Amino acid sequence: MGIKWDKDATPSGKLLSLYTLLLIKGKEMSLGELARELKCSKQSVSRMLDQLEASQYGKLLRYKRGKEAIYHLERPKKLPLLSLNAEGLHQLALCRDFLIHLLPESIRNSVDATLRQASAYLPEQEGADFFTTQGHSYVKGHIDYTPFQKLLQTLTQAIKTNKICSVRYQPHLREDARTYLYAPKRLLAYHETLRFVGWIVTPEGKALYDEPTVFLLHRMKEVSLTRTNAINLPDPEDKSKSAFGLISGELFTVAVRFEPFSALYVSERKWSADQKIEQNEDGSITLTMTARSDIEVISWVLGFGDKAEILSPDWLREEVAEKVRAMAERYNSGKSEE
């Protein structure tokens, strides 16, 4: 059975399929045979053969057999040394088990296929039970990213090639999608979602704002590559460890008291680079840290219910108090609002 090109495959992916076929077959093949094996047109194969001939990954030999062109890939005389570490591959498989739920099915299949091919080079005893599931990620309310496979490929291609995209994005359910010129710079996994960090730009490729913009992949409706270069736009700062929160804002210090019920959970984790935890006599703790987003701090603290209390700053404490009063009124009304 031939290798079928995925309809969404990138040009580099198609070229790799052709190279792999010639390498694995290891024999002379006609243009028609290549087209049948790859299930595509002769014109497409011919273009890829020209690209392959210009590369340095083995020498492409051409012959004539009657009126038919024949191709053969001459393998390099000196192949690179291949060193595979069984423990390293098992660790990659474990990462797959924990993170694979975030990726579309086609990427999951590609990861599995790559690991299988790599494991074939391991000694039999080391490769045994290689694909036995070692771990599992339990997620409440996960997002199915399968419909977003093509968008993900386009955005990651934009990052690799430093290109700007045209993105149609819907930030909220009741808002119409708007089109932006967007230069994605980094893919971010955050709170079980895939997000892109990048710059909204002008048609000339200049950043519109001082801070990068975060777009959620599942709220993108359309994505297409443009020819505009984004190489002069800087890589966004990695904010995952310095301060609490992802949304950019002015930094502030927050102190939160956690009841004994939640104290162990909070003290086991790193919330900001400069956090300090104080043990209180009643078994509670006080966490002091730097944050950049009041919205995220409020949502996080309210998630602990009555087991957490913001001590400072006063303005943030009052914001939480107002939300709690509004929640109490809603529940005390006896019915939900229409």
C-alpha atoms as a PDB file:
ATOM      1  CA  MET A   1       0.000   0.000   0.000  1.00  0.00           C
ATOM      2  CA  GLY A   2       1.374   3.395  -0.989  1.00  0.00           C
ATOM      3  CA  ILE A   3       2.213   6.293   1.293  1.00  0.00           C
ATOM      4  CA  LYS A   4      -0.618   8.794   0.932  1.00  0.00           C
ATOM      5  CA  TRP A   5       0.140  12.453   1.396  1.00  0.00           C
ATOM      6  CA  ASP A   6      -2.089  14.149   3.916  1.00  0.00           C
ATOM      7  CA  LYS A   7      -4.135  16.876   2.196  1.00  0.00           C
ATOM      8  CA  ASP A   8      -2.929  19.343   4.844  1.00  0.00           C
ATOM      9  CA  ALA A   9       0.723  18.274   4.665  1.00  0.00           C
ATOM     10  CA  THR A  10       3.282  21.046   4.338  1.00  0.00           C
ATOM     11  CA  PRO A  11       5.664  21.170   1.311  1.00  0.00           C
ATOM     12  CA  SER A  12       8.506  20.046   3.576  1.00  0.00           C
ATOM     13  CA  GLY A  13       6.369  17.145   4.803  1.00  0.00           C
ATOM     14  CA  LYS A  14       5.622  16.057   1.241  1.00  0.00           C
ATOM     15  CA  LEU A  15       9.306  16.231   0.334  1.00  0.00           C
ATOM     16  CA  LEU A  16      10.129  14.101   3.372  1.00  0.00           C
ATOM     17  CA  SER A  17       7.574  11.481   2.244  1.00  0.00           C
ATOM     18  CA  LEU A  18       9.228  11.272  -1.177  1.00  0.00           C
ATOM     19  CA  TYR A  19      12.718  11.069   0.326  1.00  0.00           C
ATOM     20  CA  THR A  20      11.605   8.350   2.780  1.00  0.00           C
ATOM     21  CA  LEU A  21      10.037   6.300  -0.024  1.00  0.00           C
ATOM     22  CA  LEU A  22      13.184   6.396  -2.169  1.00  0.00           C
ATOM     23  CA  LEU A  23      15.355   5.646   0.848  1.00  0.00           C
ATOM     24  CA  ILE A  24      13.262   2.704   2.069  1.00  0.00           C
ATOM     25  CA  LYS A  25      12.693   1.147  -1.354  1.00  0.00           C
ATOM     26  CA  GLY A  26      16.388   1.430  -2.211  1.00  0.00           C
ATOM     27  CA  LYS A  27      15.723   0.667  -5.880  1.00  0.00           C
ATOM     28  CA  GLU A  28      15.083   2.408  -9.178  1.00  0.00           C
ATOM     29  CA  MET A  29      11.571   3.806  -9.532  1.00  0.00           C
ATOM     30  CA  SER A  30       9.816   5.511 -12.423  1.00  0.00           C
ATOM     31  CA  LEU A  31       7.885   8.760 -12.165  1.00  0.00           C
ATOM     32  CA  GLY A  32       4.658   6.822 -12.580  1.00  0.00           C
ATOM     33  CA  GLU A  33       5.586   4.351  -9.834  1.00  0.00           C
ATOM     34  CA  LEU A  34       6.401   7.190  -7.441  1.00  0.00           C
ATOM     35  CA  ALA A  35       3.111   8.911  -8.232  1.00  0.00           C
ATOM     36  CA  ARG A  36       1.160   5.699  -7.599  1.00  0.00           C
ATOM     37  CA  GLU A  37       3.002   4.953  -4.345  1.00  0.00           C
ATOM     38  CA  LEU A  38       2.418   8.479  -3.025  1.00  0.00           C
ATOM     39  CA  LYS A  39      -1.087   8.735  -4.530  1.00  0.00           C
ATOM     40  CA  CYS A  40      -0.515  12.124  -6.145  1.00  0.00           C
ATOM     41  CA  SER A  41       0.107  13.613  -9.592  1.00  0.00           C
ATOM     42  CA  LYS A  42       3.261  13.139 -11.645  1.00  0.00           C
ATOM     43  CA  GLN A  43       3.629  16.938 -11.802  1.00  0.00           C
ATOM     44  CA  SER A  44       3.770  17.159  -8.006  1.00  0.00           C
ATOM     45  CA  VAL A  45       6.360  14.384  -7.794  1.00  0.00           C
ATOM     46  CA  SER A  46       8.446  16.004 -10.525  1.00  0.00           C
ATOM     47  CA  ARG A  47       8.598  19.294  -8.626  1.00  0.00           C
ATOM     48  CA  MET A  48       9.636  17.506  -5.449  1.00  0.00           C
ATOM     49  CA  LEU A  49      12.309  15.528  -7.300  1.00  0.00           C
ATOM     50  CA  ASP A  50      13.835  18.797  -8.525  1.00  0.00           C
ATOM     51  CA  GLN A  51      13.972  20.032  -4.918  1.00  0.00           C
ATOM     52  CA  LEU A  52      15.425  16.754  -3.710  1.00  0.00           C
ATOM     53  CA  GLU A  53      18.088  16.841  -6.416  1.00  0.00           C
ATOM     54  CA  ALA A  54      19.183  20.273  -5.212  1.00  0.00           C
ATOM     55  CA  SER A  55      19.548  19.066  -1.625  1.00  0.00           C
ATOM     56  CA  GLN A  56      22.570  17.406  -0.039  1.00  0.00           C
ATOM     57  CA  TYR A  57      20.726  14.466   1.521  1.00  0.00           C
ATOM     58  CA  GLY A  58      21.975  11.786  -0.831  1.00  0.00           C
ATOM     59  CA  LYS A  59      22.517  11.984  -4.589  1.00  0.00           C
ATOM     60  CA  LEU A  60      19.479  11.630  -6.847  1.00  0.00           C
ATOM     61  CA  LEU A  61      20.342   9.632  -9.975  1.00  0.00           C
ATOM     62  CA  ARG A  62      18.261   9.869 -13.152  1.00  0.00           C
ATOM     63  CA  TYR A  63      18.116   7.260 -15.908  1.00  0.00           C
ATOM     64  CA  LYS A  64      16.145   6.585 -19.053  1.00  0.00           C
ATOM     65  CA  ARG A  65      14.270   3.327 -19.564  1.00  0.00           C
ATOM     66  CA  GLY A  66      12.783   3.620 -22.993  1.00  0.00           C
ATOM     67  CA  LYS A  67      10.703   6.777 -22.876  1.00  0.00           C
ATOM     68  CA  GLU A  68      10.313   6.625 -19.105  1.00  0.00           C
ATOM     69  CA  ALA A  69      12.437   8.521 -16.582  1.00  0.00           C
ATOM     70  CA  ILE A  70      13.866   6.403 -13.776  1.00  0.00           C
ATOM     71  CA  TYR A  71      15.023   7.691 -10.379  1.00  0.00           C
ATOM     72  CA  HIS A  72      17.258   6.238  -7.718  1.00  0.00           C
ATOM     73  CA  LEU A  73      18.535   7.737  -4.467  1.00  0.00           C
ATOM     74  CA  GLU A  74      22.188   7.004  -3.853  1.00  0.00           C
ATOM     75  CA  ARG A  75      22.747   6.874  -0.142  1.00  0.00           C
ATOM     76  CA  PRO A  76      25.671   8.865   1.273  1.00  0.00           C
ATOM     77  CA  LYS A  77      28.793   6.766   1.742  1.00  0.00           C
ATOM     78  CA  LYS A  78      29.251   8.020   5.286  1.00  0.00           C
ATOM     79  CA  LEU A  79      26.080   7.871   7.306  1.00  0.00           C
ATOM     80  CA  PRO A  80      25.871   9.684  10.644  1.00  0.00           C
ATOM     81  CA  LEU A  81      26.302   7.584  13.774  1.00  0.00           C
ATOM     82  CA  LEU A  82      22.938   6.857  15.356  1.00  0.00           C
ATOM     83  CA  SER A  83      22.819   6.726  19.144  1.00  0.00           C
ATOM     84  CA  LEU A  84      19.481   5.956  20.774  1.00  0.00           C
ATOM     85  CA  ASN A  85      18.933   5.908  24.504  1.00  0.00           C
ATOM     86  CA  ALA A  86      16.215   3.514  25.626  1.00  0.00           C
ATOM     87  CA  GLU A  87      15.585   5.386  28.874  1.00  0.00           C
ATOM     88  CA  GLY A  88      15.315   8.669  26.978  1.00  0.00           C
ATOM     89  CA  LEU A  89      12.720   7.197  24.621  1.00  0.00           C
ATOM     90  CA  HIS A  90      10.728   5.826  27.558  1.00  0.00           C
ATOM     91  CA  GLN A  91      10.741   9.316  29.083  1.00  0.00           C
ATOM     92  CA  LEU A  92       9.497  10.758  25.796  1.00  0.00           C
ATOM     93  CA  ALA A  93       6.723   8.152  25.803  1.00  0.00           C
ATOM     94  CA  LEU A  94       5.796   9.252  29.324  1.00  0.00           C
ATOM     95  CA  CYS A  95       5.646  12.892  28.186  1.00  0.00           C
ATOM     96  CA  ARG A  96       3.400  11.712  25.356  1.00  0.00           C
ATOM     97  CA  ASP A  97       1.045  10.000  27.798  1.00  0.00           C
ATOM     98  CA  PHE A  98       0.708  13.135  29.925  1.00  0.00           C
ATOM     99  CA  LEU A  99       0.470  15.766  27.183  1.00  0.00           C
ATOM    100  CA  ILE A 100      -0.945  14.018  24.125  1.00  0.00           C
ATOM    101  CA  HIS A 101      -4.554  14.895  25.010  1.00  0.00           C
ATOM    102  CA  LEU A 102      -3.811  18.510  24.055  1.00  0.00           C
ATOM    103  CA  LEU A 103      -2.913  17.629  20.462  1.00  0.00           C
ATOM    104  CA  PRO A 104      -5.066  16.701  17.438  1.00  0.00           C
ATOM    105  CA  GLU A 105      -5.434  13.012  16.601  1.00  0.00           C
ATOM    106  CA  SER A 106      -3.237  13.209  13.487  1.00  0.00           C
ATOM    107  CA  ILE A 107      -0.341  14.602  15.552  1.00  0.00           C
ATOM    108  CA  ARG A 108      -0.868  11.909  18.186  1.00  0.00           C
ATOM    109  CA  ASN A 109      -0.618   9.281  15.442  1.00  0.00           C
ATOM    110  CA  SER A 110       2.533  10.934  14.083  1.00  0.00           C
ATOM    111  CA  VAL A 111       4.150  10.908  17.541  1.00  0.00           C
ATOM    112  CA  ASP A 112       3.324   7.228  17.989  1.00  0.00           C
ATOM    113  CA  ALA A 113       4.713   6.378  14.542  1.00  0.00           C
ATOM    114  CA  THR A 114       7.953   8.261  15.218  1.00  0.00           C
ATOM    115  CA  LEU A 115       8.471   6.492  18.543  1.00  0.00           C
ATOM    116  CA  ARG A 116       7.795   3.133  16.915  1.00  0.00           C
ATOM    117  CA  GLN A 117      10.382   3.788  14.229  1.00  0.00           C
ATOM    118  CA  ALA A 118      12.961   4.875  16.810  1.00  0.00           C
ATOM    119  CA  SER A 119      12.272   1.867  19.033  1.00  0.00           C
ATOM    120  CA  ALA A 120      13.030  -0.459  16.107  1.00  0.00           C
ATOM    121  CA  TYR A 121      16.722   0.435  16.510  1.00  0.00           C
ATOM    122  CA  LEU A 122      16.798  -0.605  20.164  1.00  0.00           C
ATOM    123  CA  PRO A 123      17.861  -4.053  21.375  1.00  0.00           C
ATOM    124  CA  GLU A 124      14.827  -6.323  21.664  1.00  0.00           C
ATOM    125  CA  GLN A 125      14.874  -6.471  25.461  1.00  0.00           C
ATOM    126  CA  GLU A 126      15.106  -2.675  25.765  1.00  0.00           C
ATOM    127  CA  GLY A 127      12.277  -2.051  23.322  1.00  0.00           C
ATOM    128  CA  ALA A 128       9.923  -4.550  24.968  1.00  0.00           C
ATOM    129  CA  ASP A 129       6.646  -3.116  26.255  1.00  0.00           C
ATOM    130  CA  PHE A 130       7.752   0.237  24.885  1.00  0.00           C
ATOM    131  CA  PHE A 131       4.218   1.257  24.014  1.00  0.00           C
ATOM    132  CA  THR A 132       2.588   0.127  27.208  1.00  0.00           C
ATOM    133  CA  THR A 133       0.904   3.215  28.629  1.00  0.00           C
ATOM    134  CA  GLN A 134       2.919   4.391  31.607  1.00  0.00           C
ATOM    135  CA  GLY A 135       0.830   7.356  32.669  1.00  0.00           C
ATOM    136  CA  HIS A 136      -2.440   9.143  32.094  1.00  0.00           C
ATOM    137  CA  SER A 137      -3.608  12.740  32.264  1.00  0.00           C
ATOM    138  CA  TYR A 138      -7.056  13.267  33.777  1.00  0.00           C
ATOM    139  CA  VAL A 139      -8.674  16.494  32.605  1.00  0.00           C
ATOM    140  CA  LYS A 140     -12.103  17.879  33.403  1.00  0.00           C
ATOM    141  CA  GLY A 141     -13.624  19.613  30.415  1.00  0.00           C
ATOM    142  CA  HIS A 142     -10.848  19.130  27.866  1.00  0.00           C
ATOM    143  CA  ILE A 143     -10.879  20.754  24.414  1.00  0.00           C
ATOM    144  CA  ASP A 144     -10.894  18.555  21.311  1.00  0.00           C
ATOM    145  CA  TYR A 145      -8.220  20.106  19.098  1.00  0.00           C
ATOM    146  CA  THR A 146      -8.742  17.710  16.197  1.00  0.00           C
ATOM    147  CA  PRO A 147     -10.737  20.275  14.116  1.00  0.00           C
ATOM    148  CA  PHE A 148      -7.875  22.763  14.555  1.00  0.00           C
ATOM    149  CA  GLN A 149      -5.133  20.582  13.043  1.00  0.00           C
ATOM    150  CA  LYS A 150      -4.699  22.703   9.909  1.00  0.00           C
ATOM    151  CA  LEU A 151      -4.680  25.964  11.884  1.00  0.00           C
ATOM    152  CA  LEU A 152      -2.049  24.561  14.260  1.00  0.00           C
ATOM    153  CA  GLN A 153       0.167  23.520  11.357  1.00  0.00           C
ATOM    154  CA  THR A 154      -0.108  26.946   9.714  1.00  0.00           C
ATOM    155  CA  LEU A 155       0.716  28.810  12.931  1.00  0.00           C
ATOM    156  CA  THR A 156       3.699  26.611  13.803  1.00  0.00           C
ATOM    157  CA  GLN A 157       4.939  27.012  10.237  1.00  0.00           C
ATOM    158  CA  ALA A 158       4.674  30.784  10.693  1.00  0.00           C
ATOM    159  CA  ILE A 159       6.809  30.565  13.840  1.00  0.00           C
ATOM    160  CA  LYS A 160       9.464  28.479  12.061  1.00  0.00           C
ATOM    161  CA  THR A 161       9.635  30.785   9.032  1.00  0.00           C
ATOM    162  CA  ASN A 162       9.088  34.103  10.879  1.00  0.00           C
ATOM    163  CA  LYS A 163       6.003  34.977   8.863  1.00  0.00           C
ATOM    164  CA  ILE A 164       2.905  37.013   9.673  1.00  0.00           C
ATOM    165  CA  CYS A 165      -0.534  35.411   9.519  1.00  0.00           C
ATOM    166  CA  SER A 166      -3.991  36.685   8.763  1.00  0.00           C
ATOM    167  CA  VAL A 167      -6.100  35.417  11.676  1.00  0.00           C
ATOM    168  CA  ARG A 168      -9.873  35.573  12.080  1.00  0.00           C
ATOM    169  CA  TYR A 169     -10.440  35.427  15.832  1.00  0.00           C
ATOM    170  CA  GLN A 170     -13.553  35.343  18.049  1.00  0.00           C
ATOM    171  CA  PRO A 171     -12.661  36.389  21.630  1.00  0.00           C
ATOM    172  CA  HIS A 172     -16.172  35.930  23.093  1.00  0.00           C
ATOM    173  CA  LEU A 173     -19.276  33.901  22.270  1.00  0.00           C
ATOM    174  CA  ARG A 174     -21.480  36.930  21.520  1.00  0.00           C
ATOM    175  CA  GLU A 175     -18.876  38.868  19.569  1.00  0.00           C
ATOM    176  CA  ASP A 176     -18.292  38.586  15.844  1.00  0.00           C
ATOM    177  CA  ALA A 177     -14.919  37.279  14.735  1.00  0.00           C
ATOM    178  CA  ARG A 178     -12.446  39.953  13.663  1.00  0.00           C
ATOM    179  CA  THR A 179      -9.477  39.656  11.334  1.00  0.00           C
ATOM    180  CA  TYR A 180      -5.995  40.545  12.580  1.00  0.00           C
ATOM    181  CA  LEU A 181      -2.517  40.541  11.115  1.00  0.00           C
ATOM    182  CA  TYR A 182      -0.690  38.451  13.679  1.00  0.00           C
ATOM    183  CA  ALA A 183       2.911  37.314  14.091  1.00  0.00           C
ATOM    184  CA  PRO A 184       2.924  34.185  16.307  1.00  0.00           C
ATOM    185  CA  LYS A 185       6.188  33.704  18.173  1.00  0.00           C
ATOM    186  CA  ARG A 186       5.565  30.933  20.697  1.00  0.00           C
ATOM    187  CA  LEU A 187       3.124  28.090  21.364  1.00  0.00           C
ATOM    188  CA  LEU A 188       1.997  27.970  24.998  1.00  0.00           C
ATOM    189  CA  ALA A 189       0.157  25.242  26.917  1.00  0.00           C
ATOM    190  CA  TYR A 190      -1.708  26.948  29.763  1.00  0.00           C
ATOM    191  CA  HIS A 191      -4.618  25.670  31.880  1.00  0.00           C
ATOM    192  CA  GLU A 192      -5.195  22.737  29.504  1.00  0.00           C
ATOM    193  CA  THR A 193      -5.444  25.014  26.462  1.00  0.00           C
ATOM    194  CA  LEU A 194      -3.136  25.743  23.550  1.00  0.00           C
ATOM    195  CA  ARG A 195      -2.366  29.428  23.087  1.00  0.00           C
ATOM    196  CA  PHE A 196      -0.123  31.449  20.811  1.00  0.00           C
ATOM    197  CA  VAL A 197       1.885  34.398  22.056  1.00  0.00           C
ATOM    198  CA  GLY A 198       2.702  36.945  19.384  1.00  0.00           C
ATOM    199  CA  TRP A 199       2.262  40.448  18.030  1.00  0.00           C
ATOM    200  CA  ILE A 200      -0.693  42.153  16.366  1.00  0.00           C
ATOM    201  CA  VAL A 201       0.899  44.141  13.554  1.00  0.00           C
ATOM    202  CA  THR A 202       0.235  46.729  10.867  1.00  0.00           C
ATOM    203  CA  PRO A 203       0.211  45.804   7.159  1.00  0.00           C
ATOM    204  CA  GLU A 204       3.871  46.893   7.134  1.00  0.00           C
ATOM    205  CA  GLY A 205       4.714  44.375   9.863  1.00  0.00           C
ATOM    206  CA  LYS A 206       5.160  46.791  12.795  1.00  0.00           C
ATOM    207  CA  ALA A 207       3.797  45.907  16.246  1.00  0.00           C
ATOM    208  CA  LEU A 208       0.625  47.803  17.169  1.00  0.00           C
ATOM    209  CA  TYR A 209       1.050  47.395  20.926  1.00  0.00           C
ATOM    210  CA  ASP A 210       3.896  47.435  23.442  1.00  0.00           C
ATOM    211  CA  GLU A 211       2.918  44.035  24.817  1.00  0.00           C
ATOM    212  CA  PRO A 212       2.378  40.763  22.902  1.00  0.00           C
ATOM    213  CA  THR A 213      -1.127  39.369  22.438  1.00  0.00           C
ATOM    214  CA  VAL A 214      -2.244  35.875  23.449  1.00  0.00           C
ATOM    215  CA  PHE A 215      -4.704  34.094  21.139  1.00  0.00           C
ATOM    216  CA  LEU A 216      -6.374  30.797  22.051  1.00  0.00           C
ATOM    217  CA  LEU A 217      -6.130  28.261  19.251  1.00  0.00           C
ATOM    218  CA  HIS A 218      -9.722  27.006  19.614  1.00  0.00           C
ATOM    219  CA  ARG A 219     -11.124  30.526  19.161  1.00  0.00           C
ATOM    220  CA  MET A 220      -9.428  31.007  15.816  1.00  0.00           C
ATOM    221  CA  LYS A 221     -11.742  30.579  12.843  1.00  0.00           C
ATOM    222  CA  GLU A 222      -9.313  30.993   9.946  1.00  0.00           C
ATOM    223  CA  VAL A 223      -5.544  31.311   9.616  1.00  0.00           C
ATOM    224  CA  SER A 224      -3.510  31.942   6.476  1.00  0.00           C
ATOM    225  CA  LEU A 225       0.160  32.752   5.918  1.00  0.00           C
ATOM    226  CA  THR A 226       1.142  36.063   4.363  1.00  0.00           C
ATOM    227  CA  ARG A 227       4.394  36.945   2.629  1.00  0.00           C
ATOM    228  CA  THR A 228       5.239  39.620   5.202  1.00  0.00           C
ATOM    229  CA  ASN A 229       8.308  38.875   7.297  1.00  0.00           C
ATOM    230  CA  ALA A 230       8.213  38.998  11.118  1.00  0.00           C
ATOM    231  CA  ILE A 231      11.905  38.464  11.729  1.00  0.00           C
ATOM    232  CA  ASN A 232      12.408  41.941  13.244  1.00  0.00           C
ATOM    233  CA  LEU A 233       9.731  41.419  15.896  1.00  0.00           C
ATOM    234  CA  PRO A 234      11.228  40.298  19.244  1.00  0.00           C
ATOM    235  CA  ASP A 235      10.504  37.022  20.987  1.00  0.00           C
ATOM    236  CA  PRO A 236       8.050  37.628  23.874  1.00  0.00           C
ATOM    237  CA  GLU A 237       9.347  37.406  27.413  1.00  0.00           C
ATOM    238  CA  ASP A 238       8.756  34.091  29.161  1.00  0.00           C
ATOM    239  CA  LYS A 239       6.403  35.064  31.993  1.00  0.00           C
ATOM    240  CA  SER A 240       5.663  31.570  33.225  1.00  0.00           C
ATOM    241  CA  LYS A 241       7.856  31.812  36.358  1.00  0.00           C
ATOM    242  CA  SER A 242       8.535  35.462  37.185  1.00  0.00           C
ATOM    243  CA  ALA A 243       5.086  36.538  38.442  1.00  0.00           C
ATOM    244  CA  PHE A 244       1.597  35.094  38.879  1.00  0.00           C
ATOM    245  CA  GLY A 245      -0.668  35.378  35.847  1.00  0.00           C
ATOM    246  CA  LEU A 246      -0.428  35.378  32.077  1.00  0.00           C
ATOM    247  CA  ILE A 247      -2.310  38.575  31.194  1.00  0.00           C
ATOM    248  CA  SER A 248       0.083  41.515  31.015  1.00  0.00           C
ATOM    249  CA  GLY A 249      -0.396  44.305  33.537  1.00  0.00           C
ATOM    250  CA  GLU A 250       1.351  46.421  36.125  1.00  0.00           C
ATOM    251  CA  LEU A 251       3.075  44.273  38.742  1.00  0.00           C
ATOM    252  CA  PHE A 252       1.742  44.325  42.308  1.00  0.00           C
ATOM    253  CA  THR A 253       2.286  42.413  45.552  1.00  0.00           C
ATOM    254  CA  VAL A 254      -0.566  40.306  46.910  1.00  0.00           C
ATOM    255  CA  ALA A 255      -0.893  38.487  50.232  1.00  0.00           C
ATOM    256  CA  VAL A 256      -3.386  35.626  50.608  1.00  0.00           C
ATOM    257  CA  ARG A 257      -4.226  33.606  53.715  1.00  0.00           C
ATOM    258  CA  PHE A 258      -5.147  29.953  53.199  1.00  0.00           C
ATOM    259  CA  GLU A 259      -6.968  27.804  55.749  1.00  0.00           C
ATOM    260  CA  PRO A 260      -5.276  24.553  56.871  1.00  0.00           C
ATOM    261  CA  PHE A 261      -7.505  22.623  54.445  1.00  0.00           C
ATOM    262  CA  SER A 262      -5.762  24.302  51.458  1.00  0.00           C
ATOM    263  CA  ALA A 263      -2.414  25.149  53.049  1.00  0.00           C
ATOM    264  CA  LEU A 264      -0.559  21.998  52.005  1.00  0.00           C
ATOM    265  CA  TYR A 265      -1.745  22.226  48.386  1.00  0.00           C
ATOM    266  CA  VAL A 266      -0.635  25.866  48.075  1.00  0.00           C
ATOM    267  CA  SER A 267       2.695  25.439  49.860  1.00  0.00           C
ATOM    268  CA  GLU A 268       3.701  22.552  47.567  1.00  0.00           C
ATOM    269  CA  ARG A 269       3.607  24.749  44.465  1.00  0.00           C
ATOM    270  CA  LYS A 270       5.546  27.606  42.915  1.00  0.00           C
ATOM    271  CA  TRP A 271       3.283  30.578  42.126  1.00  0.00           C
ATOM    272  CA  SER A 272       5.895  33.288  41.495  1.00  0.00           C
ATOM    273  CA  ALA A 273       9.680  33.580  41.538  1.00  0.00           C
ATOM    274  CA  ASP A 274       9.730  35.719  44.708  1.00  0.00           C
ATOM    275  CA  GLN A 275       6.963  34.045  46.711  1.00  0.00           C
ATOM    276  CA  LYS A 276       7.188  33.794  50.494  1.00  0.00           C
ATOM    277  CA  ILE A 277       5.141  31.443  52.667  1.00  0.00           C
ATOM    278  CA  GLU A 278       4.578  32.136  56.345  1.00  0.00           C
ATOM    279  CA  GLN A 279       3.289  29.437  58.685  1.00  0.00           C
ATOM    280  CA  ASN A 280       0.593  30.655  61.102  1.00  0.00           C
ATOM    281  CA  GLU A 281      -0.065  29.230  64.586  1.00  0.00           C
ATOM    282  CA  ASP A 282      -3.545  27.954  63.640  1.00  0.00           C
ATOM    283  CA  GLY A 283      -2.147  25.802  60.796  1.00  0.00           C
ATOM    284  CA  SER A 284      -2.984  28.265  58.055  1.00  0.00           C
ATOM    285  CA  ILE A 285      -0.387  29.903  55.804  1.00  0.00           C
ATOM    286  CA  THR A 286       0.077  33.359  54.298  1.00  0.00           C
ATOM    287  CA  LEU A 287       1.362  33.451  50.739  1.00  0.00           C
ATOM    288  CA  THR A 288       2.973  36.682  49.554  1.00  0.00           C
ATOM    289  CA  MET A 289       3.891  36.959  45.880  1.00  0.00           C
ATOM    290  CA  THR A 290       4.147  39.246  42.872  1.00  0.00           C
ATOM    291  CA  ALA A 291       1.267  39.167  40.384  1.00  0.00           C
ATOM    292  CA  ARG A 292       0.598  40.868  37.072  1.00  0.00           C
ATOM    293  CA  SER A 293      -3.122  40.218  36.559  1.00  0.00           C
ATOM    294  CA  ASP A 294      -5.809  41.099  39.120  1.00  0.00           C
ATOM    295  CA  ILE A 295      -8.442  39.201  37.112  1.00  0.00           C
ATOM    296  CA  GLU A 296      -6.452  35.972  37.334  1.00  0.00           C
ATOM    297  CA  VAL A 297      -5.699  36.419  41.040  1.00  0.00           C
ATOM    298  CA  ILE A 298      -9.390  36.993  41.837  1.00  0.00           C
ATOM    299  CA  SER A 299     -10.494  33.941  39.824  1.00  0.00           C
ATOM    300  CA  TRP A 300      -7.808  31.808  41.457  1.00  0.00           C
ATOM    301  CA  VAL A 301      -8.628  32.876  45.028  1.00  0.00           C
ATOM    302  CA  LEU A 302     -12.384  32.444  44.536  1.00  0.00           C
ATOM    303  CA  GLY A 303     -11.680  28.896  43.383  1.00  0.00           C
ATOM    304  CA  PHE A 304     -10.728  28.066  46.988  1.00  0.00           C
ATOM    305  CA  GLY A 305     -14.126  29.266  48.270  1.00  0.00           C
ATOM    306  CA  ASP A 306     -14.071  30.200  51.953  1.00  0.00           C
ATOM    307  CA  LYS A 307     -10.660  28.536  52.415  1.00  0.00           C
ATOM    308  CA  ALA A 308      -8.756  31.581  51.097  1.00  0.00           C
ATOM    309  CA  GLU A 309      -8.792  35.296  51.924  1.00  0.00           C
ATOM    310  CA  ILE A 310      -6.944  38.174  50.255  1.00  0.00           C
ATOM    311  CA  LEU A 311      -5.233  40.244  52.956  1.00  0.00           C
ATOM    312  CA  SER A 312      -3.681  42.894  50.727  1.00  0.00           C
ATOM    313  CA  PRO A 313      -3.720  45.090  48.739  1.00  0.00           C
ATOM    314  CA  ASP A 314      -6.894  46.739  50.005  1.00  0.00           C
ATOM    315  CA  TRP A 315      -8.206  47.577  46.525  1.00  0.00           C
ATOM    316  CA  LEU A 316      -8.020  43.943  45.441  1.00  0.00           C
ATOM    317  CA  ARG A 317      -9.588  42.779  48.703  1.00  0.00           C
ATOM    318  CA  GLU A 318     -12.524  45.135  48.047  1.00  0.00           C
ATOM    319  CA  GLU A 319     -12.947  43.857  44.484  1.00  0.00           C
ATOM    320  CA  VAL A 320     -13.251  40.303  45.793  1.00  0.00           C
ATOM    321  CA  ALA A 321     -15.709  41.466  48.493  1.00  0.00           C
ATOM    322  CA  GLU A 322     -17.935  43.053  45.830  1.00  0.00           C
ATOM    323  CA  LYS A 323     -17.964  39.845  43.788  1.00  0.00           C
ATOM    324  CA  VAL A 324     -18.790  37.778  46.871  1.00  0.00           C
ATOM    325  CA  ARG A 325     -21.680  40.120  47.743  1.00  0.00           C
ATOM    326  CA  ALA A 326     -22.996  39.838  44.174  1.00  0.00           C
ATOM    327  CA  MET A 327     -22.765  36.048  44.347  1.00  0.00           C
ATOM    328  CA  ALA A 328     -24.612  36.011  47.688  1.00  0.00           C
ATOM    329  CA  GLU A 329     -27.409  38.154  46.266  1.00  0.00           C
ATOM    330  CA  ARG A 330     -27.774  35.851  43.294  1.00  0.00           C
ATOM    331  CA  TYR A 331     -28.031  32.724  45.437  1.00  0.00           C
ATOM    332  CA  ASN A 332     -30.262  34.411  48.034  1.00  0.00           C
ATOM    333  CA  SER A 333     -32.727  35.451  45.319  1.00  0.00           C
ATOM    334  CA  GLY A 334     -33.937  31.868  45.070  1.00  0.00           C
ATOM    335  CA  LYS A 335     -33.720  31.701  41.268  1.00  0.00           C
ATOM    336  CA  SER A 336     -31.195  32.341  38.543  1.00  0.00           C
ATOM    337  CA  GLU A 337     -31.400  35.436  36.377  1.00  0.00           C
ATOM    338  CA  GLU A 338     -32.933  35.034  32.935  1.00  0.00           C
END
